[in-house]
C-alpha atoms as a PDB file:
ATOM      1  CA  MET A   1     189.475 146.594 279.887  1.00  0.00           C
ATOM      2  CA  GLU A   2     190.744 148.059 276.663  1.00  0.00           C
ATOM      3  CA  VAL A   3     191.640 145.903 273.725  1.00  0.00           C
ATOM      4  CA  ASN A   4     194.232 147.313 271.369  1.00  0.00           C
ATOM      5  CA  VAL A   5     193.533 146.344 267.770  1.00  0.00           C
ATOM      6  CA  ALA A   6     196.401 146.772 265.326  1.00  0.00           C
ATOM      7  CA  ILE A   7     195.229 147.887 261.921  1.00  0.00           C
ATOM      8  CA  THR A   8     197.523 147.187 258.973  1.00  0.00           C
ATOM      9  CA  ASN A   9     197.303 147.894 255.265  1.00  0.00           C
ATOM     10  CA  GLU A  10     199.601 145.053 254.330  1.00  0.00           C
ATOM     11  CA  LYS A  11     198.291 142.758 251.622  1.00  0.00           C
ATOM     12  CA  PRO A  12     198.309 138.983 252.111  1.00  0.00           C
ATOM     13  CA  ASN A  13     201.555 137.471 250.944  1.00  0.00           C
ATOM     14  CA  HIS A  14     200.474 134.863 248.389  1.00  0.00           C
ATOM     15  CA  THR A  15     202.943 132.306 247.193  1.00  0.00           C
ATOM     16  CA  ARG A  16     202.860 132.542 243.436  1.00  0.00           C
ATOM     17  CA  PRO A  17     203.315 129.324 241.480  1.00  0.00           C
ATOM     18  CA  SER A  18     205.872 129.278 238.719  1.00  0.00           C
ATOM     19  CA  ALA A  19     205.793 127.242 235.515  1.00  0.00           C
ATOM     20  CA  ASN A  20     209.485 127.916 234.834  1.00  0.00           C
ATOM     21  CA  TYR A  21     208.920 128.539 231.149  1.00  0.00           C
ATOM     22  CA  HIS A  22     211.974 128.390 228.930  1.00  0.00           C
ATOM     23  CA  PRO A  23     213.070 131.821 227.629  1.00  0.00           C
ATOM     24  CA  SER A  24     212.357 132.582 223.987  1.00  0.00           C
ATOM     25  CA  VAL A  25     215.020 131.135 221.707  1.00  0.00           C
ATOM     26  CA  TRP A  26     214.627 134.142 219.407  1.00  0.00           C
ATOM     27  CA  GLY A  27     215.581 136.900 221.813  1.00  0.00           C
ATOM     28  CA  GLU A  28     216.323 140.034 219.757  1.00  0.00           C
ATOM     29  CA  HIS A  29     217.241 138.086 216.622  1.00  0.00           C
ATOM     30  CA  PHE A  30     214.807 139.943 214.362  1.00  0.00           C
ATOM     31  CA  LEU A  31     216.116 143.377 215.313  1.00  0.00           C
ATOM     32  CA  ALA A  32     218.871 142.691 212.779  1.00  0.00           C
ATOM     33  CA  TYR A  33     216.340 143.192 209.981  1.00  0.00           C
ATOM     34  CA  ALA A  34     215.775 146.857 210.845  1.00  0.00           C
ATOM     35  CA  SER A  35     218.669 147.931 208.612  1.00  0.00           C
ATOM     36  CA  ASP A  36     217.807 149.507 205.269  1.00  0.00           C
ATOM     37  CA  SER A  37     221.294 149.053 203.870  1.00  0.00           C
ATOM     38  CA  LYS A  38     220.048 146.678 201.161  1.00  0.00           C
ATOM     39  CA  ASP A  39     217.183 148.771 199.857  1.00  0.00           C
ATOM     40  CA  ASN A  40     218.851 149.223 196.451  1.00  0.00           C
ATOM     41  CA  ILE A  41     219.153 145.466 196.006  1.00  0.00           C
ATOM     42  CA  ILE A  42     215.535 144.981 197.001  1.00  0.00           C
ATOM     43  CA  THR A  43     214.486 147.584 194.422  1.00  0.00           C
ATOM     44  CA  LEU A  44     216.297 145.657 191.699  1.00  0.00           C
ATOM     45  CA  GLU A  45     214.695 142.440 192.900  1.00  0.00           C
ATOM     46  CA  GLU A  46     211.269 144.038 192.833  1.00  0.00           C
ATOM     47  CA  ARG A  47     211.854 145.230 189.275  1.00  0.00           C
ATOM     48  CA  GLU A  48     212.820 141.725 188.150  1.00  0.00           C
ATOM     49  CA  HIS A  49     209.888 140.357 190.127  1.00  0.00           C
ATOM     50  CA  GLY A  50     207.487 142.569 188.174  1.00  0.00           C
ATOM     51  CA  VAL A  51     208.879 141.427 184.817  1.00  0.00           C
ATOM     52  CA  LEU A  52     208.672 137.730 185.719  1.00  0.00           C
ATOM     53  CA  LYS A  53     205.186 138.197 187.132  1.00  0.00           C
ATOM     54  CA  GLU A  54     203.881 139.469 183.804  1.00  0.00           C
ATOM     55  CA  GLU A  55     205.574 136.597 181.959  1.00  0.00           C
ATOM     56  CA  VAL A  56     203.831 134.088 184.208  1.00  0.00           C
ATOM     57  CA  ARG A  57     200.538 135.941 183.724  1.00  0.00           C
ATOM     58  CA  LYS A  58     200.912 135.713 179.939  1.00  0.00           C
ATOM     59  CA  MET A  59     201.694 132.016 180.292  1.00  0.00           C
ATOM     60  CA  LEU A  60     198.572 131.511 182.398  1.00  0.00           C
ATOM     61  CA  ILE A  61     196.288 133.476 180.084  1.00  0.00           C
ATOM     62  CA  GLY A  62     197.821 131.951 176.959  1.00  0.00           C
ATOM     63  CA  THR A  63     197.148 128.352 178.004  1.00  0.00           C
ATOM     64  CA  PRO A  64     193.593 127.384 176.930  1.00  0.00           C
ATOM     65  CA  ASP A  65     191.156 126.464 179.706  1.00  0.00           C
ATOM     66  CA  THR A  66     190.273 123.329 177.746  1.00  0.00           C
ATOM     67  CA  CYS A  67     193.878 122.123 177.915  1.00  0.00           C
ATOM     68  CA  LYS A  68     194.958 119.677 180.639  1.00  0.00           C
ATOM     69  CA  GLN A  69     198.225 121.560 180.957  1.00  0.00           C
ATOM     70  CA  LYS A  70     196.226 124.506 182.356  1.00  0.00           C
ATOM     71  CA  LEU A  71     195.414 122.456 185.457  1.00  0.00           C
ATOM     72  CA  ASP A  72     199.053 121.509 185.975  1.00  0.00           C
ATOM     73  CA  LEU A  73     200.076 125.148 185.599  1.00  0.00           C
ATOM     74  CA  ILE A  74     197.470 126.362 188.102  1.00  0.00           C
ATOM     75  CA  ASP A  75     198.485 123.630 190.537  1.00  0.00           C
ATOM     76  CA  SER A  76     202.165 124.546 190.270  1.00  0.00           C
ATOM     77  CA  ILE A  77     201.411 128.248 190.727  1.00  0.00           C
ATOM     78  CA  GLN A  78     199.368 127.499 193.821  1.00  0.00           C
ATOM     79  CA  ARG A  79     201.858 125.148 195.411  1.00  0.00           C
ATOM     80  CA  LEU A  80     204.740 127.537 194.728  1.00  0.00           C
ATOM     81  CA  GLY A  81     202.891 130.124 196.806  1.00  0.00           C
ATOM     82  CA  VAL A  82     202.371 132.760 194.109  1.00  0.00           C
ATOM     83  CA  SER A  83     198.699 132.241 193.227  1.00  0.00           C
ATOM     84  CA  TYR A  84     197.696 135.412 195.093  1.00  0.00           C
ATOM     85  CA  HIS A  85     199.141 137.398 192.180  1.00  0.00           C
ATOM     86  CA  PHE A  86     196.773 135.728 189.700  1.00  0.00           C
ATOM     87  CA  THR A  87     193.547 135.298 191.660  1.00  0.00           C
ATOM     88  CA  ASN A  88     191.241 136.605 188.927  1.00  0.00           C
ATOM     89  CA  GLU A  89     192.849 134.551 186.155  1.00  0.00           C
ATOM     90  CA  ILE A  90     192.793 131.345 188.194  1.00  0.00           C
ATOM     91  CA  GLU A  91     189.202 131.839 189.349  1.00  0.00           C
ATOM     92  CA  ALA A  92     188.037 132.494 185.788  1.00  0.00           C
ATOM     93  CA  SER A  93     189.730 129.332 184.499  1.00  0.00           C
ATOM     94  CA  LEU A  94     188.374 127.144 187.292  1.00  0.00           C
ATOM     95  CA  GLN A  95     184.878 128.549 186.840  1.00  0.00           C
ATOM     96  CA  TYR A  96     185.034 127.620 183.152  1.00  0.00           C
ATOM     97  CA  ILE A  97     186.174 124.088 184.019  1.00  0.00           C
ATOM     98  CA  TYR A  98     183.480 123.813 186.696  1.00  0.00           C
ATOM     99  CA  ASN A  99     180.731 124.907 184.317  1.00  0.00           C
ATOM    100  CA  SER A 100     181.815 122.282 181.783  1.00  0.00           C
ATOM    101  CA  PHE A 101     183.104 119.617 184.157  1.00  0.00           C
ATOM    102  CA  GLN A 102     181.100 116.777 182.632  1.00  0.00           C
ATOM    103  CA  LYS A 103     182.535 117.642 179.230  1.00  0.00           C
ATOM    104  CA  PHE A 104     185.975 117.786 180.825  1.00  0.00           C
ATOM    105  CA  ILE A 105     185.476 114.261 182.225  1.00  0.00           C
ATOM    106  CA  LEU A 106     184.339 112.900 178.865  1.00  0.00           C
ATOM    107  CA  GLU A 107     187.239 114.468 176.976  1.00  0.00           C
ATOM    108  CA  ASN A 108     189.871 113.208 179.413  1.00  0.00           C
ATOM    109  CA  GLY A 109     188.539 109.682 179.367  1.00  0.00           C
ATOM    110  CA  ASN A 110     190.767 107.445 181.449  1.00  0.00           C
ATOM    111  CA  ASP A 111     193.328 110.071 182.473  1.00  0.00           C
ATOM    112  CA  LEU A 112     193.218 109.624 186.245  1.00  0.00           C
ATOM    113  CA  HIS A 113     195.758 112.378 186.853  1.00  0.00           C
ATOM    114  CA  ALA A 114     193.681 114.978 184.984  1.00  0.00           C
ATOM    115  CA  VAL A 115     190.404 113.936 186.627  1.00  0.00           C
ATOM    116  CA  ALA A 116     191.892 113.825 190.139  1.00  0.00           C
ATOM    117  CA  LEU A 117     193.702 117.137 189.683  1.00  0.00           C
ATOM    118  CA  GLY A 118     190.598 118.860 188.321  1.00  0.00           C
ATOM    119  CA  PHE A 119     188.520 117.454 191.183  1.00  0.00           C
ATOM    120  CA  ARG A 120     191.028 118.627 193.811  1.00  0.00           C
ATOM    121  CA  LEU A 121     191.501 122.127 192.410  1.00  0.00           C
ATOM    122  CA  LEU A 122     187.762 122.721 192.196  1.00  0.00           C
ATOM    123  CA  ARG A 123     187.230 121.564 195.764  1.00  0.00           C
ATOM    124  CA  GLN A 124     190.157 123.650 196.970  1.00  0.00           C
ATOM    125  CA  HIS A 125     188.367 126.673 195.541  1.00  0.00           C
ATOM    126  CA  GLY A 126     185.019 125.871 197.119  1.00  0.00           C
ATOM    127  CA  ARG A 127     183.336 124.329 194.100  1.00  0.00           C
ATOM    128  CA  TYR A 128     181.574 121.066 194.832  1.00  0.00           C
ATOM    129  CA  VAL A 129     182.010 118.252 192.331  1.00  0.00           C
ATOM    130  CA  SER A 130     180.779 114.729 192.918  1.00  0.00           C
ATOM    131  CA  CYS A 131     183.272 112.056 193.916  1.00  0.00           C
ATOM    132  CA  ASP A 132     181.385 109.673 191.619  1.00  0.00           C
ATOM    133  CA  VAL A 133     183.817 110.717 188.876  1.00  0.00           C
ATOM    134  CA  PHE A 134     186.231 108.154 190.356  1.00  0.00           C
ATOM    135  CA  ASN A 135     183.881 105.179 189.953  1.00  0.00           C
ATOM    136  CA  LYS A 136     185.147 104.590 186.414  1.00  0.00           C
ATOM    137  CA  PHE A 137     188.629 103.942 187.791  1.00  0.00           C
ATOM    138  CA  LYS A 138     187.558 100.940 189.867  1.00  0.00           C
ATOM    139  CA  ASN A 139     187.862  97.333 188.717  1.00  0.00           C
ATOM    140  CA  PHE A 140     185.002  94.908 188.064  1.00  0.00           C
ATOM    141  CA  GLN A 141     184.866  94.026 191.765  1.00  0.00           C
ATOM    142  CA  GLY A 142     184.233  97.670 192.605  1.00  0.00           C
ATOM    143  CA  THR A 143     187.603  98.336 194.256  1.00  0.00           C
ATOM    144  CA  PHE A 144     190.776 100.178 193.346  1.00  0.00           C
ATOM    145  CA  GLU A 145     192.901  97.091 193.979  1.00  0.00           C
ATOM    146  CA  GLU A 146     194.673  95.954 190.798  1.00  0.00           C
ATOM    147  CA  SER A 147     192.630  98.352 188.693  1.00  0.00           C
ATOM    148  CA  GLU A 148     194.313  98.883 185.327  1.00  0.00           C
ATOM    149  CA  TYR A 149     193.612 102.603 185.628  1.00  0.00           C
ATOM    150  CA  VAL A 150     195.265 103.169 188.996  1.00  0.00           C
ATOM    151  CA  VAL A 151     198.426 101.078 189.056  1.00  0.00           C
ATOM    152  CA  ARG A 152     199.999 102.506 185.921  1.00  0.00           C
ATOM    153  CA  ASN A 153     202.252 105.168 187.421  1.00  0.00           C
ATOM    154  CA  VAL A 154     203.188 106.976 190.598  1.00  0.00           C
ATOM    155  CA  ARG A 155     202.007 110.356 189.293  1.00  0.00           C
ATOM    156  CA  GLU A 156     198.427 109.121 189.014  1.00  0.00           C
ATOM    157  CA  LEU A 157     198.584 107.534 192.462  1.00  0.00           C
ATOM    158  CA  LEU A 158     199.817 110.832 193.904  1.00  0.00           C
ATOM    159  CA  SER A 159     197.028 112.776 192.190  1.00  0.00           C
ATOM    160  CA  LEU A 160     194.339 110.411 193.476  1.00  0.00           C
ATOM    161  CA  TYR A 161     195.893 110.466 196.965  1.00  0.00           C
ATOM    162  CA  GLU A 162     195.841 114.273 197.118  1.00  0.00           C
ATOM    163  CA  ALA A 163     192.276 114.391 195.768  1.00  0.00           C
ATOM    164  CA  ALA A 164     191.093 111.807 198.310  1.00  0.00           C
ATOM    165  CA  ASN A 165     192.351 114.027 201.124  1.00  0.00           C
ATOM    166  CA  PHE A 166     189.656 116.538 200.158  1.00  0.00           C
ATOM    167  CA  GLY A 167     186.863 114.121 200.933  1.00  0.00           C
ATOM    168  CA  VAL A 168     184.101 114.897 203.420  1.00  0.00           C
ATOM    169  CA  GLY A 169     182.066 112.655 205.675  1.00  0.00           C
ATOM    170  CA  GLY A 170     180.105 109.939 203.919  1.00  0.00           C
ATOM    171  CA  GLU A 171     182.162 109.884 200.716  1.00  0.00           C
ATOM    172  CA  THR A 172     183.053 106.205 200.884  1.00  0.00           C
ATOM    173  CA  ILE A 173     184.797 106.094 197.530  1.00  0.00           C
ATOM    174  CA  LEU A 174     187.297 108.745 198.660  1.00  0.00           C
ATOM    175  CA  ASP A 175     187.879 106.891 201.930  1.00  0.00           C
ATOM    176  CA  GLU A 176     188.670 103.765 199.921  1.00  0.00           C
ATOM    177  CA  ALA A 177     190.893 105.719 197.535  1.00  0.00           C
ATOM    178  CA  LEU A 178     192.831 107.244 200.430  1.00  0.00           C
ATOM    179  CA  ILE A 179     193.494 103.874 202.054  1.00  0.00           C
ATOM    180  CA  PHE A 180     194.497 102.299 198.752  1.00  0.00           C
ATOM    181  CA  THR A 181     196.798 105.088 197.573  1.00  0.00           C
ATOM    182  CA  THR A 182     198.420 105.454 200.996  1.00  0.00           C
ATOM    183  CA  ASN A 183     199.291 101.757 201.053  1.00  0.00           C
ATOM    184  CA  GLN A 184     200.543 101.825 197.469  1.00  0.00           C
ATOM    185  CA  LEU A 185     202.673 104.943 197.945  1.00  0.00           C
ATOM    186  CA  GLU A 186     204.154 103.674 201.208  1.00  0.00           C
ATOM    187  CA  SER A 187     205.213 100.478 199.440  1.00  0.00           C
ATOM    188  CA  LEU A 188     206.615 102.391 196.481  1.00  0.00           C
ATOM    189  CA  SER A 189     208.510 104.850 198.690  1.00  0.00           C
ATOM    190  CA  VAL A 190     211.017 102.144 199.641  1.00  0.00           C
ATOM    191  CA  SER A 191     211.192 100.449 196.249  1.00  0.00           C
ATOM    192  CA  ALA A 192     214.426 100.528 194.257  1.00  0.00           C
ATOM    193  CA  ASN A 193     212.703 101.866 191.133  1.00  0.00           C
ATOM    194  CA  LEU A 194     211.329 104.919 192.901  1.00  0.00           C
ATOM    195  CA  MET A 195     214.481 105.539 194.927  1.00  0.00           C
ATOM    196  CA  SER A 196     216.400 105.903 191.665  1.00  0.00           C
ATOM    197  CA  ASN A 197     214.161 108.880 190.786  1.00  0.00           C
ATOM    198  CA  TYR A 198     215.088 111.275 193.581  1.00  0.00           C
ATOM    199  CA  SER A 199     212.628 114.003 192.598  1.00  0.00           C
ATOM    200  CA  LEU A 200     209.613 111.692 192.449  1.00  0.00           C
ATOM    201  CA  ALA A 201     210.653 109.857 195.618  1.00  0.00           C
ATOM    202  CA  ALA A 202     210.891 113.184 197.455  1.00  0.00           C
ATOM    203  CA  GLN A 203     207.398 114.145 196.276  1.00  0.00           C
ATOM    204  CA  VAL A 204     205.954 110.840 197.477  1.00  0.00           C
ATOM    205  CA  ASN A 205     207.592 111.053 200.900  1.00  0.00           C
ATOM    206  CA  GLN A 206     206.551 114.675 201.317  1.00  0.00           C
ATOM    207  CA  ALA A 207     202.947 113.914 200.335  1.00  0.00           C
ATOM    208  CA  LEU A 208     202.721 111.003 202.766  1.00  0.00           C
ATOM    209  CA  LYS A 209     203.911 113.222 205.630  1.00  0.00           C
ATOM    210  CA  PHE A 210     202.007 116.365 204.699  1.00  0.00           C
ATOM    211  CA  PRO A 211     199.315 116.125 202.004  1.00  0.00           C
ATOM    212  CA  ILE A 212     198.349 119.450 200.434  1.00  0.00           C
ATOM    213  CA  GLN A 213     195.153 119.640 202.500  1.00  0.00           C
ATOM    214  CA  LYS A 214     197.196 119.519 205.733  1.00  0.00           C
ATOM    215  CA  THR A 215     200.138 121.715 204.763  1.00  0.00           C
ATOM    216  CA  LEU A 216     200.758 125.240 206.050  1.00  0.00           C
ATOM    217  CA  PRO A 217     200.895 127.548 202.996  1.00  0.00           C
ATOM    218  CA  ARG A 218     204.332 129.105 203.524  1.00  0.00           C
ATOM    219  CA  LEU A 219     206.021 125.901 204.640  1.00  0.00           C
ATOM    220  CA  GLY A 220     204.391 124.066 201.754  1.00  0.00           C
ATOM    221  CA  ALA A 221     205.632 126.676 199.266  1.00  0.00           C
ATOM    222  CA  LYS A 222     209.199 126.479 200.570  1.00  0.00           C
ATOM    223  CA  GLN A 223     209.211 122.702 200.305  1.00  0.00           C
ATOM    224  CA  PHE A 224     207.565 122.632 196.882  1.00  0.00           C
ATOM    225  CA  ILE A 225     210.022 125.157 195.430  1.00  0.00           C
ATOM    226  CA  SER A 226     212.768 122.637 196.153  1.00  0.00           C
ATOM    227  CA  LEU A 227     210.748 119.733 194.721  1.00  0.00           C
ATOM    228  CA  TYR A 228     209.770 121.732 191.635  1.00  0.00           C
ATOM    229  CA  HIS A 229     213.404 122.691 191.037  1.00  0.00           C
ATOM    230  CA  GLN A 230     214.337 118.993 190.956  1.00  0.00           C
ATOM    231  CA  ASP A 231     211.603 118.227 188.417  1.00  0.00           C
ATOM    232  CA  LYS A 232     213.192 118.023 184.965  1.00  0.00           C
ATOM    233  CA  LEU A 233     209.983 119.369 183.412  1.00  0.00           C
ATOM    234  CA  HIS A 234     209.856 122.531 185.531  1.00  0.00           C
ATOM    235  CA  ASP A 235     209.304 125.908 183.919  1.00  0.00           C
ATOM    236  CA  ALA A 236     212.351 128.107 184.543  1.00  0.00           C
ATOM    237  CA  VAL A 237     210.429 131.403 184.450  1.00  0.00           C
ATOM    238  CA  LEU A 238     207.841 130.206 186.960  1.00  0.00           C
ATOM    239  CA  LEU A 239     210.521 128.729 189.224  1.00  0.00           C
ATOM    240  CA  ASN A 240     212.593 131.924 189.242  1.00  0.00           C
ATOM    241  CA  PHE A 241     209.499 134.014 189.910  1.00  0.00           C
ATOM    242  CA  ALA A 242     208.487 131.764 192.820  1.00  0.00           C
ATOM    243  CA  LYS A 243     211.961 131.929 194.383  1.00  0.00           C
ATOM    244  CA  LEU A 244     212.117 135.693 194.059  1.00  0.00           C
ATOM    245  CA  ASP A 245     208.597 136.150 195.393  1.00  0.00           C
ATOM    246  CA  PHE A 246     209.280 133.896 198.373  1.00  0.00           C
ATOM    247  CA  ASN A 247     212.405 135.867 199.287  1.00  0.00           C
ATOM    248  CA  LEU A 248     210.676 139.237 198.965  1.00  0.00           C
ATOM    249  CA  VAL A 249     207.715 138.143 201.073  1.00  0.00           C
ATOM    250  CA  GLN A 250     210.064 136.627 203.646  1.00  0.00           C
ATOM    251  CA  LYS A 251     211.912 139.954 203.938  1.00  0.00           C
ATOM    252  CA  LYS A 252     208.566 141.632 204.509  1.00  0.00           C
ATOM    253  CA  HIS A 253     207.791 139.191 207.306  1.00  0.00           C
ATOM    254  CA  GLN A 254     211.217 139.680 208.867  1.00  0.00           C
ATOM    255  CA  LYS A 255     210.747 143.450 208.984  1.00  0.00           C
ATOM    256  CA  GLU A 256     207.336 142.988 210.581  1.00  0.00           C
ATOM    257  CA  LEU A 257     208.901 140.766 213.233  1.00  0.00           C
ATOM    258  CA  CYS A 258     211.543 143.432 213.801  1.00  0.00           C
ATOM    259  CA  ALA A 259     208.817 146.014 214.496  1.00  0.00           C
ATOM    260  CA  LEU A 260     206.980 143.572 216.761  1.00  0.00           C
ATOM    261  CA  THR A 261     210.170 142.815 218.681  1.00  0.00           C
ATOM    262  CA  GLU A 262     210.663 146.544 219.261  1.00  0.00           C
ATOM    263  CA  TRP A 263     207.066 146.782 220.498  1.00  0.00           C
ATOM    264  CA  TRP A 264     207.656 143.837 222.835  1.00  0.00           C
ATOM    265  CA  ARG A 265     210.741 145.540 224.221  1.00  0.00           C
ATOM    266  CA  SER A 266     208.831 148.792 224.747  1.00  0.00           C
ATOM    267  CA  ILE A 267     206.278 147.160 227.055  1.00  0.00           C
ATOM    268  CA  ASP A 268     209.053 145.166 228.764  1.00  0.00           C
ATOM    269  CA  CYS A 269     206.943 142.095 229.499  1.00  0.00           C
ATOM    270  CA  PRO A 270     209.877 139.965 230.744  1.00  0.00           C
ATOM    271  CA  LYS A 271     210.357 142.484 233.581  1.00  0.00           C
ATOM    272  CA  ASN A 272     206.769 143.557 234.237  1.00  0.00           C
ATOM    273  CA  LEU A 273     205.179 140.144 233.712  1.00  0.00           C
ATOM    274  CA  PRO A 274     207.961 137.620 234.399  1.00  0.00           C
ATOM    275  CA  PHE A 275     205.489 134.760 234.826  1.00  0.00           C
ATOM    276  CA  ALA A 276     204.276 135.008 231.201  1.00  0.00           C
ATOM    277  CA  ARG A 277     205.678 133.164 228.229  1.00  0.00           C
ATOM    278  CA  ASP A 278     207.408 135.051 225.444  1.00  0.00           C
ATOM    279  CA  ARG A 279     205.396 133.726 222.502  1.00  0.00           C
ATOM    280  CA  LEU A 280     205.686 136.712 220.190  1.00  0.00           C
ATOM    281  CA  VAL A 281     207.313 134.882 217.266  1.00  0.00           C
ATOM    282  CA  GLU A 282     205.060 131.861 217.728  1.00  0.00           C
ATOM    283  CA  CYS A 283     201.934 134.052 217.659  1.00  0.00           C
ATOM    284  CA  TYR A 284     203.188 135.858 214.564  1.00  0.00           C
ATOM    285  CA  PHE A 285     203.902 132.553 212.823  1.00  0.00           C
ATOM    286  CA  TRP A 286     200.371 131.451 213.639  1.00  0.00           C
ATOM    287  CA  ILE A 287     198.692 134.423 211.982  1.00  0.00           C
ATOM    288  CA  MET A 288     201.264 134.559 209.165  1.00  0.00           C
ATOM    289  CA  ASN A 289     200.034 131.156 208.022  1.00  0.00           C
ATOM    290  CA  VAL A 290     196.505 132.531 207.825  1.00  0.00           C
ATOM    291  CA  TYR A 291     197.402 135.751 205.986  1.00  0.00           C
ATOM    292  CA  PHE A 292     200.886 135.610 204.494  1.00  0.00           C
ATOM    293  CA  GLU A 293     200.340 137.970 201.556  1.00  0.00           C
ATOM    294  CA  PRO A 294     202.249 141.289 201.708  1.00  0.00           C
ATOM    295  CA  HIS A 295     199.116 143.449 201.575  1.00  0.00           C
ATOM    296  CA  TYR A 296     197.905 141.966 204.878  1.00  0.00           C
ATOM    297  CA  SER A 297     200.850 143.462 206.756  1.00  0.00           C
ATOM    298  CA  LEU A 298     198.761 145.641 209.091  1.00  0.00           C
ATOM    299  CA  ALA A 299     196.348 142.794 209.854  1.00  0.00           C
ATOM    300  CA  ARG A 300     199.242 140.460 210.691  1.00  0.00           C
ATOM    301  CA  THR A 301     200.836 143.016 213.001  1.00  0.00           C
ATOM    302  CA  ILE A 302     197.615 143.804 214.865  1.00  0.00           C
ATOM    303  CA  LEU A 303     196.547 140.173 215.227  1.00  0.00           C
ATOM    304  CA  ALA A 304     200.019 139.073 216.347  1.00  0.00           C
ATOM    305  CA  LYS A 305     199.822 141.642 219.159  1.00  0.00           C
ATOM    306  CA  VAL A 306     196.283 140.601 220.076  1.00  0.00           C
ATOM    307  CA  ILE A 307     197.145 136.892 220.181  1.00  0.00           C
ATOM    308  CA  THR A 308     200.286 137.621 222.215  1.00  0.00           C
ATOM    309  CA  MET A 309     198.267 139.581 224.794  1.00  0.00           C
ATOM    310  CA  ILE A 310     195.673 136.802 224.925  1.00  0.00           C
ATOM    311  CA  SER A 311     198.531 134.385 225.619  1.00  0.00           C
ATOM    312  CA  ILE A 312     199.593 136.564 228.573  1.00  0.00           C
ATOM    313  CA  VAL A 313     196.030 136.551 229.932  1.00  0.00           C
ATOM    314  CA  ASP A 314     196.036 132.771 229.530  1.00  0.00           C
ATOM    315  CA  ASP A 315     199.201 132.555 231.648  1.00  0.00           C
ATOM    316  CA  ILE A 316     197.610 134.786 234.299  1.00  0.00           C
ATOM    317  CA  TYR A 317     194.762 132.290 234.598  1.00  0.00           C
ATOM    318  CA  ASP A 318     196.889 129.155 234.363  1.00  0.00           C
ATOM    319  CA  VAL A 319     199.902 130.150 236.448  1.00  0.00           C
ATOM    320  CA  TYR A 320     199.870 133.457 238.263  1.00  0.00           C
ATOM    321  CA  GLY A 321     196.493 134.546 239.602  1.00  0.00           C
ATOM    322  CA  THR A 322     194.791 133.413 242.798  1.00  0.00           C
ATOM    323  CA  LEU A 323     191.190 132.236 242.694  1.00  0.00           C
ATOM    324  CA  ASP A 324     189.884 135.503 244.171  1.00  0.00           C
ATOM    325  CA  GLU A 325     191.973 137.610 241.792  1.00  0.00           C
ATOM    326  CA  LEU A 326     190.835 135.607 238.795  1.00  0.00           C
ATOM    327  CA  ALA A 327     187.189 135.988 239.806  1.00  0.00           C
ATOM    328  CA  LEU A 328     187.653 139.768 239.865  1.00  0.00           C
ATOM    329  CA  LEU A 329     189.506 139.700 236.545  1.00  0.00           C
ATOM    330  CA  THR A 330     186.768 137.601 234.955  1.00  0.00           C
ATOM    331  CA  ASP A 331     184.092 140.031 236.166  1.00  0.00           C
ATOM    332  CA  ALA A 332     186.098 142.947 234.785  1.00  0.00           C
ATOM    333  CA  ILE A 333     186.509 141.273 231.388  1.00  0.00           C
ATOM    334  CA  GLU A 334     182.855 140.293 231.163  1.00  0.00           C
ATOM    335  CA  SER A 335     181.733 143.801 232.102  1.00  0.00           C
ATOM    336  CA  ARG A 336     183.698 145.137 229.121  1.00  0.00           C
ATOM    337  CA  ILE A 337     182.459 142.474 226.709  1.00  0.00           C
ATOM    338  CA  LEU A 338     178.797 142.200 227.671  1.00  0.00           C
ATOM    339  CA  VAL A 339     177.091 145.412 226.611  1.00  0.00           C
ATOM    340  CA  PRO A 340     173.637 145.929 228.240  1.00  0.00           C
END
């Protein structure tokens, strides 16, 4: 008896799961920034930007390192998102303050704002200073409650609050300061006296939502430009420079997103890999908040592509691939990564 065996090359028909991801809300929005029709305007802006930059540099160099106003200026420059232009000047000033920090504490006596600001700026720049500098601002019971040094004004509370957010494990005094200032600022945020000062009220509410330590650089700069503009004591030159710089950098980012969108179209992922999420803009935003400066353009572009491709691989594992396929894919990836 003969048995006829049918041989077929057909592959098993797997039912692929679908996550039904929502399409990207951006679409081809950033392709609009490919036009060079405004290059002449940008050139004029860049010229003005250069002039204002040197004025701010002179202001920064001309303010003595021993002066408390130097700390306020550095803080404003940082929060406005333009400190990358003055890295050397800022580092030199902070190193001077760090080397003579005990003298700085003695000279500023009971000025909580100056002490807290100096403490925060030094820690932001990787220079360790002891949190014991805040012991002098406690009351006789060893707490911040009803201390004559802390309840005087909102500005000092804000400075201590921001400094306390830079605490590390085991720094009890900063934990206490954070709890105290948070409670005080939350109470003040709804008080009639503070509500009458719109600029200060906005700063308090913004700090409670997103303290400096937990703020994304570009979002923080955009928000602080608005807050700084409302401050009656703002420096007009610095404000104009920050606005111009923000706009120029934003245009740079928009053009990068235009190029990335064109790249995304060229590989036609929506058609070739319909199961994958379109996270191009999200991935770019991620890396842009790590390296936003204009001179990191190439790094941003490369890393945005890498993260986007990793996201696609993630979707292959989570949504599309079968267990056998994923085992083969894992072996293939490991064989490329693990060099004998």
